[in-house]
Amino acid sequence: MGVPDRLAERMSMAEQHEYLRARFSRRTMIRGGAVTLGAVTGGAFVTGATAQAAVPTEPLSHTEEVDGSLVAPFGRHLAWGNDPRTEITVSWQVPVAVKKPFLRIGAHPWDLSRKIEAEVRTLHTPAGVGASGDHTQYYLHAKLTHLRPGRTYYYGVGHQGFDPAEAHLLGTLGTFTTAPAHKAPFTFTAFGDEGVSYHGLANNSLLLGQNPAFHLHAGDIAYADPAGQGKTADTGFDSRIWDQFLAQTESVAKSVPWMVSYGNHDMEAWYSPNGYGGEEARWNLPDNGPDRKNLPGVYSFVYGNTAVISLDPNDVSFEIPANLGISGGTQTTWFEGRLKTYRAAKDIDFIVVFFHHCAYCTSTAHASEGGVRQEWVPLFEKYQVDLVINGHNHQYERTDVIKNNTVTKKLPIGGTAYPETEGVVYVTAGAAGRSLYAFTAPDSYEGHVNEVDSVASFVNTKDGKVNETVAWSRVRYLNYSFLRVDVTPAPKGHFTTLKVQGIAETGDRIDHFTVARKAK
């Protein structure tokens, strides 16, 4: 389908989108529905924004006859707002259009009297696009504000004919807990490159057992576009994969905020000039980034004593340049501003940054991204970022402490890094579920250490791949896994810690180290 390969190679994401707008009726690209967000403030409602490039249309005629009592919501997933102490969005999906979708919320499962209207974002994939042409998806969102810090809430999602407050539907309820108002210990988890598979499902099951306060997904979320080049010529695209993905992750994401960052497989050229129109229909992320139009996956939030920043490396990627330079430099400028603010804040100790493409990795597939090294690594070092989490390469790899592209300190399994004086530690956690890649050096992980002096690898630059031999590859594990991080605050002047563990799909620990700095 679509643009011939030779033409698509010369087109930017925006140019490809304009081509498709001419080829397919604009009316069938993205259909917007009701756009009302509910605030938990005495029943008041505030108007929300439609998904990117949304075009309002009438509901499909055949869906008007569906009995709402026969339609069950699925794919529930949570996301923090700008302030995790008081804001969260509950999102879900329905297989067909429903009337008057809503969310109920309360402090107890038997008291769900507060009813909030949901926003509908309707996404249509036109006929002729990939394997799922002429497929419509219905995503619903209820943004909650003015919540109480450190409080557990019960919620249910429904629509006309399906009310979760009814006794026989109480089993469909979910819960979430807002961030505490004060510093307290907490755990979060992270991985990238999940897709739909048994391994993704198994990792999700293990994630839930960690009882995380939130989860970070470092891009390449569902793999509806298996090619990952941001091209309209990628004929394997199947939007229905998203339905499967959201059903797969619901067991965790219905109670654990699922904070995503966008990777190359998340650029879907059919929906908007930047490739993120589909993502904007599916997710409702914090809106405090530098450019909601071009970079909806760039944002930050603070939980306890830890600031978390999500970046979009498609903007700086030399390897996959479909969106290269899309921000015109505004992302990096915003990023430095965030780092400066967080590092100066009296109540923030740690800064964690997560995004897709790796600054440092020795995989035989993608290895390291020179654009990230050029744009952001100097900022990581200048502002003493405590931990950088990536995906892209489908394996687990952890570096020594790095500064100025060299090892400043070897960090063995069980070691401690002090970013205030030593440098930055990078973790590739891209083994969430997709097929695995390879290393040139032998695996080396807890209980199976194989020390090597150097590893042959390469870095993607504007002039192509450049070979390099590196000394910073400390832990390598070629199997499915995820990251667990335990954050422990401390009194002012004492060491507060991030205790980081790599956990295999088997449940075994494959790596652990500590990041420590003096608490403010």
Protein backbone atom coordinates (compact mmCIF):
# COMPACT_ATOMS: atom_id res chain seq x y z
CA MET A 1 0.00 0.00 0.00
CA GLY A 2 0.86 3.64 0.23
CA VAL A 3 3.72 5.63 -1.14
CA PRO A 4 6.23 3.70 -3.23
CA ASP A 5 9.38 2.95 -1.24
CA ARG A 6 11.61 5.19 -3.35
CA LEU A 7 9.27 8.16 -2.72
CA ALA A 8 8.75 7.47 0.98
CA GLU A 9 12.50 7.43 1.55
CA ARG A 10 12.65 11.11 0.56
CA MET A 11 9.62 12.21 2.59
CA SER A 12 9.54 13.58 6.11
CA MET A 13 6.77 12.45 8.47
CA ALA A 14 4.80 15.61 7.70
CA GLU A 15 5.15 15.16 3.91
CA GLN A 16 3.97 11.55 4.15
CA HIS A 17 0.97 12.64 6.17
CA GLU A 18 0.00 15.22 3.54
CA TYR A 19 0.27 12.55 0.85
CA LEU A 20 -2.11 10.32 2.78
CA ARG A 21 -4.56 13.16 3.37
CA ALA A 22 -4.81 13.51 -0.39
CA ARG A 23 -5.12 9.79 -0.96
CA PHE A 24 -7.62 9.00 1.78
CA SER A 25 -10.58 11.12 2.75
CA ARG A 26 -9.65 13.43 5.63
CA ARG A 27 -12.98 12.50 7.14
CA THR A 28 -11.82 8.93 7.71
CA MET A 29 -8.40 9.58 9.27
CA ILE A 30 -9.25 10.47 12.90
CA ARG A 31 -12.79 11.00 14.09
CA GLY A 32 -13.18 12.98 17.30
CA GLY A 33 -16.11 12.44 19.62
CA ALA A 34 -17.20 14.07 22.86
CA VAL A 35 -14.40 16.09 24.39
CA THR A 36 -15.21 16.71 28.02
CA LEU A 37 -12.87 16.08 30.94
CA GLY A 38 -14.16 15.67 34.46
CA ALA A 39 -12.51 17.25 37.48
CA VAL A 40 -13.08 15.84 40.96
CA THR A 41 -14.21 19.21 42.27
CA GLY A 42 -17.81 19.11 43.38
CA GLY A 43 -19.02 17.74 40.07
CA ALA A 44 -17.60 20.57 37.95
CA PHE A 45 -16.49 19.80 34.42
CA VAL A 46 -13.85 21.42 32.28
CA THR A 47 -13.51 21.30 28.52
CA GLY A 48 -10.68 19.17 27.14
CA ALA A 49 -8.81 18.97 23.85
CA THR A 50 -9.30 16.44 21.10
CA ALA A 51 -6.59 14.10 19.90
CA GLN A 52 -4.13 15.58 17.43
CA ALA A 53 -5.66 16.21 14.00
CA ALA A 54 -9.07 15.04 15.22
CA VAL A 55 -11.99 15.71 12.88
CA PRO A 56 -15.48 15.56 14.48
CA THR A 57 -17.98 13.37 12.64
CA GLU A 58 -21.28 11.72 13.32
CA PRO A 59 -21.21 8.33 15.11
CA LEU A 60 -21.21 5.33 12.81
CA SER A 61 -24.80 4.39 12.13
CA HIS A 62 -24.52 0.69 12.87
CA THR A 63 -23.13 1.33 16.37
CA GLU A 64 -26.22 3.27 17.45
CA GLU A 65 -28.13 0.02 17.78
CA VAL A 66 -25.66 -1.66 20.16
CA ASP A 67 -27.07 -2.38 23.61
CA GLY A 68 -24.61 -0.84 26.08
CA SER A 69 -25.26 -3.58 28.62
CA LEU A 70 -23.60 -6.02 26.21
CA VAL A 71 -20.39 -4.00 25.86
CA ALA A 72 -17.69 -4.30 28.53
CA PRO A 73 -14.83 -1.78 28.72
CA PHE A 74 -11.28 -3.14 28.51
CA GLY A 75 -7.67 -1.98 28.35
CA ARG A 76 -7.76 0.27 31.41
CA HIS A 77 -4.55 2.22 31.94
CA LEU A 78 -3.58 5.06 34.25
CA ALA A 79 -1.23 8.01 33.78
CA TRP A 80 -0.14 10.74 36.14
CA GLY A 81 -1.06 14.33 35.44
CA ASN A 82 1.43 17.13 35.99
CA ASP A 83 1.29 16.55 39.76
CA PRO A 84 1.02 12.88 40.86
CA ARG A 85 -0.15 13.99 44.29
CA THR A 86 -3.42 15.38 42.94
CA GLU A 87 -3.85 14.44 39.25
CA ILE A 88 -4.33 11.21 37.32
CA THR A 89 -6.07 10.14 34.13
CA VAL A 90 -8.02 6.90 33.83
CA SER A 91 -8.14 5.66 30.23
CA TRP A 92 -9.86 2.68 28.67
CA GLN A 93 -11.26 1.27 25.44
CA VAL A 94 -14.52 -0.12 24.11
CA PRO A 95 -14.87 -2.32 21.00
CA VAL A 96 -17.80 -0.32 19.58
CA ALA A 97 -19.23 3.16 20.08
CA VAL A 98 -21.19 3.56 23.32
CA LYS A 99 -23.42 6.32 24.69
CA LYS A 100 -22.54 8.63 27.58
CA PRO A 101 -19.29 7.01 28.80
CA PHE A 102 -18.28 7.91 32.35
CA LEU A 103 -16.11 7.12 35.33
CA ARG A 104 -17.25 6.59 38.90
CA ILE A 105 -14.86 7.25 41.77
CA GLY A 106 -14.93 7.10 45.56
CA ALA A 107 -12.95 6.33 48.69
CA HIS A 108 -14.70 2.95 49.07
CA PRO A 109 -15.97 0.35 46.60
CA TRP A 110 -19.48 0.70 48.00
CA ASP A 111 -19.48 4.48 47.59
CA LEU A 112 -18.99 5.45 43.95
CA SER A 113 -21.48 8.28 43.90
CA ARG A 114 -19.22 10.75 42.10
CA LYS A 115 -19.80 10.36 38.35
CA ILE A 116 -17.54 12.05 35.79
CA GLU A 117 -18.16 12.32 32.07
CA ALA A 118 -15.43 10.79 29.87
CA GLU A 119 -13.71 12.19 26.82
CA VAL A 120 -13.98 10.08 23.66
CA ARG A 121 -11.17 9.94 21.13
CA THR A 122 -12.16 7.95 18.08
CA LEU A 123 -9.34 6.71 15.86
CA HIS A 124 -10.07 5.38 12.38
CA THR A 125 -7.55 3.58 10.20
CA PRO A 126 -8.63 3.99 6.58
CA ALA A 127 -9.06 1.13 4.14
CA GLY A 128 -5.82 0.33 2.36
CA VAL A 129 -3.56 0.98 5.35
CA GLY A 130 -1.72 -2.15 6.41
CA ALA A 131 -3.47 -5.26 7.67
CA SER A 132 -6.19 -3.46 9.62
CA GLY A 133 -7.67 -1.03 7.14
CA ASP A 134 -11.11 0.43 7.86
CA HIS A 135 -10.79 -0.33 11.58
CA THR A 136 -12.18 2.06 14.20
CA GLN A 137 -10.97 2.24 17.80
CA TYR A 138 -12.70 4.03 20.67
CA TYR A 139 -10.48 5.40 23.44
CA LEU A 140 -11.95 7.04 26.52
CA HIS A 141 -10.27 9.26 29.10
CA ALA A 142 -11.31 10.81 32.41
CA LYS A 143 -8.82 13.27 33.86
CA LEU A 144 -9.09 13.61 37.63
CA THR A 145 -7.82 16.67 39.48
CA HIS A 146 -7.90 18.02 43.04
CA LEU A 147 -7.31 14.55 44.48
CA ARG A 148 -5.84 14.12 47.95
CA PRO A 149 -2.16 13.12 48.27
CA GLY A 150 -1.37 9.64 49.52
CA ARG A 151 -4.97 8.46 49.17
CA THR A 152 -6.24 5.23 47.63
CA TYR A 153 -9.30 5.65 45.40
CA TYR A 154 -11.67 3.12 43.90
CA TYR A 155 -13.02 3.65 40.41
CA GLY A 156 -15.14 2.01 37.76
CA VAL A 157 -15.64 2.86 34.10
CA GLY A 158 -18.87 2.48 32.21
CA HIS A 159 -21.44 3.92 29.84
CA GLN A 160 -25.17 3.91 29.29
CA GLY A 161 -26.31 0.36 30.07
CA PHE A 162 -23.10 -0.60 31.92
CA ASP A 163 -22.79 0.95 35.38
CA PRO A 164 -19.86 -0.35 37.48
CA ALA A 165 -21.66 0.70 40.68
CA GLU A 166 -24.21 -2.08 40.17
CA ALA A 167 -23.64 -5.06 42.45
CA HIS A 168 -23.01 -7.59 39.69
CA LEU A 169 -20.29 -5.37 38.15
CA LEU A 170 -18.30 -4.55 41.29
CA GLY A 171 -15.70 -7.06 40.13
CA THR A 172 -14.76 -4.63 37.35
CA LEU A 173 -13.56 -1.93 39.78
CA GLY A 174 -9.97 -0.72 39.91
CA THR A 175 -7.89 1.28 42.37
CA PHE A 176 -5.06 3.78 42.34
CA THR A 177 -3.06 5.59 45.00
CA THR A 178 -1.87 9.17 44.61
CA ALA A 179 1.67 10.24 45.45
CA PRO A 180 2.28 11.19 49.09
CA ALA A 181 2.62 14.82 50.11
CA HIS A 182 5.94 14.18 51.84
CA LYS A 183 9.08 12.19 51.11
CA ALA A 184 8.61 8.47 51.71
CA PRO A 185 10.18 5.25 50.37
CA PHE A 186 8.69 3.94 47.13
CA THR A 187 9.42 1.58 44.24
CA PHE A 188 9.08 2.06 40.51
CA THR A 189 9.70 -0.29 37.59
CA ALA A 190 10.82 0.23 34.01
CA PHE A 191 11.40 -1.47 30.66
CA GLY A 192 11.09 -0.84 26.94
CA ASP A 193 10.18 -2.72 23.76
CA GLU A 194 7.28 -4.79 25.02
CA GLY A 195 4.86 -5.60 22.21
CA VAL A 196 2.32 -8.40 22.49
CA SER A 197 3.72 -11.77 23.52
CA TYR A 198 3.91 -14.34 26.27
CA HIS A 199 7.12 -12.69 27.50
CA GLY A 200 5.43 -9.31 27.77
CA LEU A 201 2.60 -10.92 29.73
CA ALA A 202 5.06 -12.71 32.03
CA ASN A 203 7.02 -9.52 32.72
CA ASN A 204 3.76 -7.71 33.50
CA SER A 205 2.90 -10.37 36.05
CA LEU A 206 6.27 -9.91 37.74
CA LEU A 207 5.90 -6.13 37.65
CA LEU A 208 2.67 -6.31 39.60
CA GLY A 209 4.42 -8.35 42.26
CA GLN A 210 6.92 -5.52 42.86
CA ASN A 211 4.07 -3.24 44.00
CA PRO A 212 5.44 -0.23 42.09
CA ALA A 213 4.13 3.31 42.56
CA PHE A 214 4.40 3.75 38.78
CA HIS A 215 5.95 2.09 35.74
CA LEU A 216 8.12 3.67 33.02
CA HIS A 217 7.85 2.31 29.47
CA ALA A 218 10.88 3.49 27.48
CA GLY A 219 9.29 3.36 24.03
CA ASP A 220 8.37 0.91 21.26
CA ILE A 221 5.19 0.20 23.12
CA ALA A 222 2.94 -2.16 21.14
CA TYR A 223 4.66 -2.65 17.74
CA ALA A 224 1.57 -2.12 15.64
CA ASP A 225 4.09 -0.88 13.05
CA PRO A 226 6.71 -3.67 13.01
CA ALA A 227 9.09 -1.86 10.63
CA GLY A 228 9.71 1.10 12.91
CA GLN A 229 11.02 3.50 10.28
CA GLY A 230 8.13 5.98 10.39
CA LYS A 231 7.24 5.27 6.76
CA THR A 232 3.84 5.07 5.13
CA ALA A 233 5.28 2.26 3.00
CA ASP A 234 5.44 -0.01 6.07
CA THR A 235 2.75 -2.45 4.95
CA GLY A 236 2.83 -4.59 8.11
CA PHE A 237 1.00 -1.98 10.18
CA ASP A 238 -1.94 -3.37 12.16
CA SER A 239 -3.79 -0.98 14.47
CA ARG A 240 -5.56 -3.93 16.16
CA ILE A 241 -2.28 -4.81 17.88
CA TRP A 242 -3.03 -1.89 20.19
CA ASP A 243 -6.27 -3.57 21.28
CA GLN A 244 -4.29 -6.67 22.21
CA PHE A 245 -1.57 -4.67 23.93
CA LEU A 246 -3.93 -2.71 26.16
CA ALA A 247 -5.74 -5.91 27.10
CA GLN A 248 -2.38 -7.52 27.92
CA THR A 249 -1.18 -4.69 30.18
CA GLU A 250 -4.49 -4.04 31.93
CA SER A 251 -3.68 -6.32 34.87
CA VAL A 252 -0.96 -3.86 35.91
CA ALA A 253 -1.88 -0.59 34.23
CA LYS A 254 -5.37 -0.44 35.78
CA SER A 255 -3.75 0.23 39.19
CA VAL A 256 -0.19 1.36 38.36
CA PRO A 257 0.30 4.56 36.33
CA TRP A 258 1.87 3.46 33.03
CA MET A 259 4.11 6.33 31.93
CA VAL A 260 5.21 5.93 28.32
CA SER A 261 7.91 7.50 26.20
CA TYR A 262 7.75 7.23 22.40
CA GLY A 263 10.17 5.17 20.32
CA ASN A 264 10.66 4.69 16.59
CA HIS A 265 7.94 2.01 16.36
CA ASP A 266 5.50 4.52 17.90
CA MET A 267 5.71 6.89 14.91
CA GLU A 268 2.64 5.88 12.90
CA ALA A 269 2.65 8.00 9.76
CA TRP A 270 -1.03 7.55 8.91
CA TYR A 271 -2.57 9.70 11.63
CA SER A 272 -0.73 13.03 11.86
CA PRO A 273 2.26 14.94 10.47
CA ASN A 274 4.46 14.01 13.45
CA GLY A 275 3.33 10.37 13.49
CA TYR A 276 1.89 10.65 17.00
CA GLY A 277 -1.79 11.24 16.24
CA GLY A 278 -2.59 7.64 17.11
CA GLU A 279 -0.62 7.89 20.34
CA GLU A 280 -2.50 11.03 21.32
CA ALA A 281 -5.76 9.13 20.93
CA ARG A 282 -4.56 6.32 23.21
CA TRP A 283 -2.69 8.16 25.97
CA ASN A 284 -3.29 11.17 28.18
CA LEU A 285 0.13 12.16 29.50
CA PRO A 286 1.29 15.23 31.45
CA ASP A 287 1.07 18.34 29.28
CA ASN A 288 4.01 20.29 30.72
CA GLY A 289 6.46 19.58 27.89
CA PRO A 290 7.90 22.12 25.43
CA ASP A 291 5.77 21.36 22.37
CA ARG A 292 2.49 19.47 22.63
CA LYS A 293 1.95 19.72 18.87
CA ASN A 294 5.16 17.98 17.81
CA LEU A 295 6.38 16.26 20.99
CA PRO A 296 3.42 14.96 23.01
CA GLY A 297 5.61 12.31 24.66
CA VAL A 298 7.95 14.84 26.30
CA TYR A 299 6.99 15.70 29.88
CA SER A 300 8.09 15.52 33.50
CA PHE A 301 6.67 14.78 36.92
CA VAL A 302 7.86 14.60 40.51
CA TYR A 303 7.13 11.72 42.86
CA GLY A 304 8.45 12.07 46.39
CA ASN A 305 12.09 13.16 46.23
CA THR A 306 12.51 12.05 42.60
CA ALA A 307 11.98 13.98 39.38
CA VAL A 308 11.29 11.92 36.24
CA ILE A 309 11.75 13.28 32.72
CA SER A 310 10.53 11.63 29.49
CA LEU A 311 12.30 12.66 26.27
CA ASP A 312 11.62 11.96 22.58
CA PRO A 313 14.84 10.73 20.91
CA ASN A 314 13.19 10.51 17.49
CA ASP A 315 13.88 14.27 17.44
CA VAL A 316 17.66 13.68 17.62
CA SER A 317 18.10 10.23 16.04
CA PHE A 318 20.66 9.87 13.25
CA GLU A 319 19.85 6.15 12.87
CA ILE A 320 16.11 6.57 12.16
CA PRO A 321 15.66 10.17 10.95
CA ALA A 322 11.92 10.29 10.17
CA ASN A 323 11.41 12.97 12.85
CA LEU A 324 14.99 14.25 13.09
CA GLY A 325 14.97 17.92 14.08
CA ILE A 326 11.19 18.13 14.48
CA SER A 327 11.46 20.32 17.61
CA GLY A 328 13.91 22.78 16.10
CA GLY A 329 15.99 22.52 19.28
CA THR A 330 13.17 23.40 21.66
CA GLN A 331 13.24 19.97 23.33
CA THR A 332 16.88 20.27 24.38
CA THR A 333 16.35 23.85 25.59
CA TRP A 334 13.33 22.75 27.65
CA PHE A 335 15.24 19.74 28.96
CA GLU A 336 18.08 21.85 30.28
CA GLY A 337 15.57 24.18 31.91
CA ARG A 338 13.92 21.24 33.66
CA LEU A 339 17.27 19.88 34.84
CA LYS A 340 18.31 23.27 36.19
CA THR A 341 15.01 23.70 38.04
CA TYR A 342 14.97 20.21 39.52
CA ARG A 343 18.61 20.27 40.59
CA ALA A 344 18.01 23.57 42.41
CA ALA A 345 14.77 22.45 44.09
CA LYS A 346 15.10 21.92 47.84
CA ASP A 347 12.73 18.94 47.97
CA ILE A 348 14.14 16.97 44.98
CA ASP A 349 17.17 14.72 45.39
CA PHE A 350 17.16 12.44 42.35
CA ILE A 351 16.65 13.04 38.63
CA VAL A 352 15.76 10.02 36.48
CA VAL A 353 15.58 10.39 32.69
CA PHE A 354 13.99 7.79 30.42
CA PHE A 355 13.62 7.58 26.66
CA HIS A 356 14.02 5.07 23.85
CA HIS A 357 17.31 5.28 21.90
CA CYS A 358 20.43 4.36 23.86
CA ALA A 359 23.28 6.72 24.62
CA TYR A 360 25.49 3.73 25.48
CA CYS A 361 24.84 0.13 24.43
CA THR A 362 26.90 -2.58 22.70
CA SER A 363 24.06 -4.45 21.00
CA THR A 364 24.77 -5.81 17.52
CA ALA A 365 21.44 -4.31 16.38
CA HIS A 366 21.14 -0.58 17.15
CA ALA A 367 24.01 -0.06 19.61
CA SER A 368 24.50 3.62 20.61
CA GLU A 369 22.79 6.73 19.22
CA GLY A 370 25.19 9.54 18.39
CA GLY A 371 22.41 12.12 18.34
CA VAL A 372 21.65 11.42 22.00
CA ARG A 373 25.33 11.64 22.89
CA GLN A 374 25.65 14.92 21.04
CA GLU A 375 22.50 16.63 22.35
CA TRP A 376 21.83 15.28 25.82
CA VAL A 377 24.81 13.46 27.34
CA PRO A 378 26.58 16.77 28.12
CA LEU A 379 23.45 17.84 30.00
CA PHE A 380 23.24 14.54 31.90
CA GLU A 381 26.77 15.19 33.12
CA LYS A 382 26.41 18.93 33.76
CA TYR A 383 23.35 18.43 35.97
CA GLN A 384 24.48 15.11 37.49
CA VAL A 385 21.54 13.02 36.31
CA ASP A 386 21.29 10.04 38.64
CA LEU A 387 19.98 7.37 36.29
CA VAL A 388 19.29 7.12 32.54
CA ILE A 389 16.93 4.34 31.38
CA ASN A 390 16.64 3.33 27.70
CA GLY A 391 15.15 0.63 25.48
CA HIS A 392 15.61 0.18 21.70
CA ASN A 393 18.11 -2.66 22.06
CA HIS A 394 16.34 -5.86 23.12
CA GLN A 395 18.51 -6.96 26.01
CA TYR A 396 19.73 -5.82 29.42
CA GLU A 397 22.96 -3.87 29.62
CA ARG A 398 24.35 -1.62 32.33
CA THR A 399 27.35 0.65 32.11
CA ASP A 400 30.05 1.66 34.53
CA VAL A 401 30.00 5.27 35.70
CA ILE A 402 30.66 7.43 32.61
CA LYS A 403 31.81 11.00 32.09
CA ASN A 404 33.23 12.59 28.94
CA ASN A 405 32.63 9.30 27.12
CA THR A 406 35.07 7.43 29.37
CA VAL A 407 34.81 5.29 32.48
CA THR A 408 35.39 7.34 35.61
CA LYS A 409 34.70 4.42 37.93
CA LYS A 410 34.13 0.72 37.45
CA LEU A 411 30.78 -0.22 38.93
CA PRO A 412 30.68 -3.95 39.72
CA ILE A 413 27.49 -5.75 40.59
CA GLY A 414 26.57 -4.54 44.08
CA GLY A 415 28.62 -1.34 43.75
CA THR A 416 27.63 2.25 44.53
CA ALA A 417 27.82 5.29 42.26
CA TYR A 418 27.97 8.90 43.47
CA PRO A 419 26.76 11.09 40.57
CA GLU A 420 27.60 14.36 42.33
CA THR A 421 31.30 13.65 41.81
CA GLU A 422 31.69 10.64 39.53
CA GLY A 423 29.36 10.64 36.50
CA VAL A 424 26.29 8.91 35.08
CA VAL A 425 25.10 5.28 34.95
CA TYR A 426 23.09 4.13 31.90
CA VAL A 427 20.78 1.09 31.80
CA THR A 428 19.34 -0.48 28.65
CA ALA A 429 16.20 -2.34 29.72
CA GLY A 430 14.79 -3.24 26.31
CA ALA A 431 13.96 -6.90 26.91
CA ALA A 432 10.31 -6.53 27.90
CA GLY A 433 8.87 -8.91 25.33
CA ARG A 434 10.05 -8.57 21.74
CA SER A 435 12.53 -10.92 20.09
CA LEU A 436 16.02 -10.60 21.54
CA TYR A 437 19.13 -9.14 19.89
CA ALA A 438 22.77 -10.10 20.54
CA PHE A 439 26.07 -8.95 22.04
CA THR A 440 29.58 -9.31 20.67
CA ALA A 441 30.88 -10.06 24.17
CA PRO A 442 29.71 -12.89 26.47
CA ASP A 443 26.88 -12.39 28.92
CA SER A 444 28.01 -11.12 32.32
CA TYR A 445 25.47 -10.86 35.12
CA GLU A 446 24.96 -11.72 38.79
CA GLY A 447 26.12 -15.26 39.47
CA HIS A 448 27.57 -15.51 35.95
CA VAL A 449 30.26 -12.83 35.71
CA ASN A 450 32.52 -12.71 32.64
CA GLU A 451 34.84 -9.72 32.95
CA VAL A 452 36.23 -8.32 29.70
CA ASP A 453 38.55 -5.36 29.19
CA SER A 454 36.79 -4.07 26.09
CA VAL A 455 33.82 -4.69 23.82
CA ALA A 456 33.55 -4.04 20.08
CA SER A 457 30.52 -1.95 19.16
CA PHE A 458 29.41 1.03 17.07
CA VAL A 459 27.66 4.38 17.33
CA ASN A 460 25.12 5.79 14.85
CA THR A 461 26.25 9.20 13.57
CA LYS A 462 25.07 11.63 10.91
CA ASP A 463 27.62 9.99 8.60
CA GLY A 464 26.46 6.43 9.36
CA LYS A 465 27.75 3.73 11.70
CA VAL A 466 31.14 4.32 13.28
CA ASN A 467 32.89 1.41 14.96
CA GLU A 468 34.20 1.86 18.48
CA THR A 469 35.82 -0.27 21.16
CA VAL A 470 34.45 0.50 24.62
CA ALA A 471 35.36 -0.28 28.21
CA TRP A 472 32.09 0.76 29.89
CA SER A 473 29.95 -2.37 29.31
CA ARG A 474 29.72 -3.84 32.81
CA VAL A 475 26.61 -6.08 32.87
CA ARG A 476 25.10 -7.90 29.88
CA TYR A 477 22.12 -10.25 30.00
CA LEU A 478 20.51 -11.64 26.86
CA ASN A 479 17.06 -12.67 28.00
CA TYR A 480 13.75 -11.12 29.06
CA SER A 481 13.90 -8.78 32.02
CA PHE A 482 12.87 -5.46 33.57
CA LEU A 483 14.17 -2.88 36.02
CA ARG A 484 13.16 -2.33 39.62
CA VAL A 485 14.22 0.83 41.48
CA ASP A 486 13.74 1.32 45.23
CA VAL A 487 13.95 4.93 46.38
CA THR A 488 14.82 5.56 50.02
CA PRO A 489 14.81 9.16 51.31
CA ALA A 490 17.12 10.27 54.12
CA PRO A 491 17.44 13.20 56.53
CA LYS A 492 19.21 16.27 55.20
CA GLY A 493 22.96 15.69 54.87
CA HIS A 494 22.66 11.90 54.93
CA PHE A 495 22.84 9.66 51.86
CA THR A 496 19.55 9.01 50.09
CA THR A 497 19.62 6.08 47.68
CA LEU A 498 18.28 4.56 44.49
CA LYS A 499 18.72 0.80 44.73
CA VAL A 500 18.50 -0.52 41.17
CA GLN A 501 17.90 -4.17 40.30
CA GLY A 502 17.68 -5.99 37.00
CA ILE A 503 15.04 -8.73 37.33
CA ALA A 504 14.82 -11.62 34.85
CA GLU A 505 11.56 -13.06 33.58
CA THR A 506 12.36 -16.06 35.80
CA GLY A 507 12.24 -13.77 38.84
CA ASP A 508 15.99 -14.07 39.40
CA ARG A 509 18.07 -10.96 40.05
CA ILE A 510 20.65 -10.39 37.30
CA ASP A 511 22.13 -7.09 38.48
CA HIS A 512 22.01 -4.67 41.37
CA PHE A 513 23.75 -1.42 42.21
CA THR A 514 23.11 1.72 44.23
CA VAL A 515 23.07 5.39 43.33
CA ALA A 516 23.66 7.62 46.36
CA ARG A 517 23.75 11.36 47.00
CA LYS A 518 23.45 13.68 49.99
CA ALA A 519 19.80 14.49 50.75
CA LYS A 520 18.80 18.15 50.65
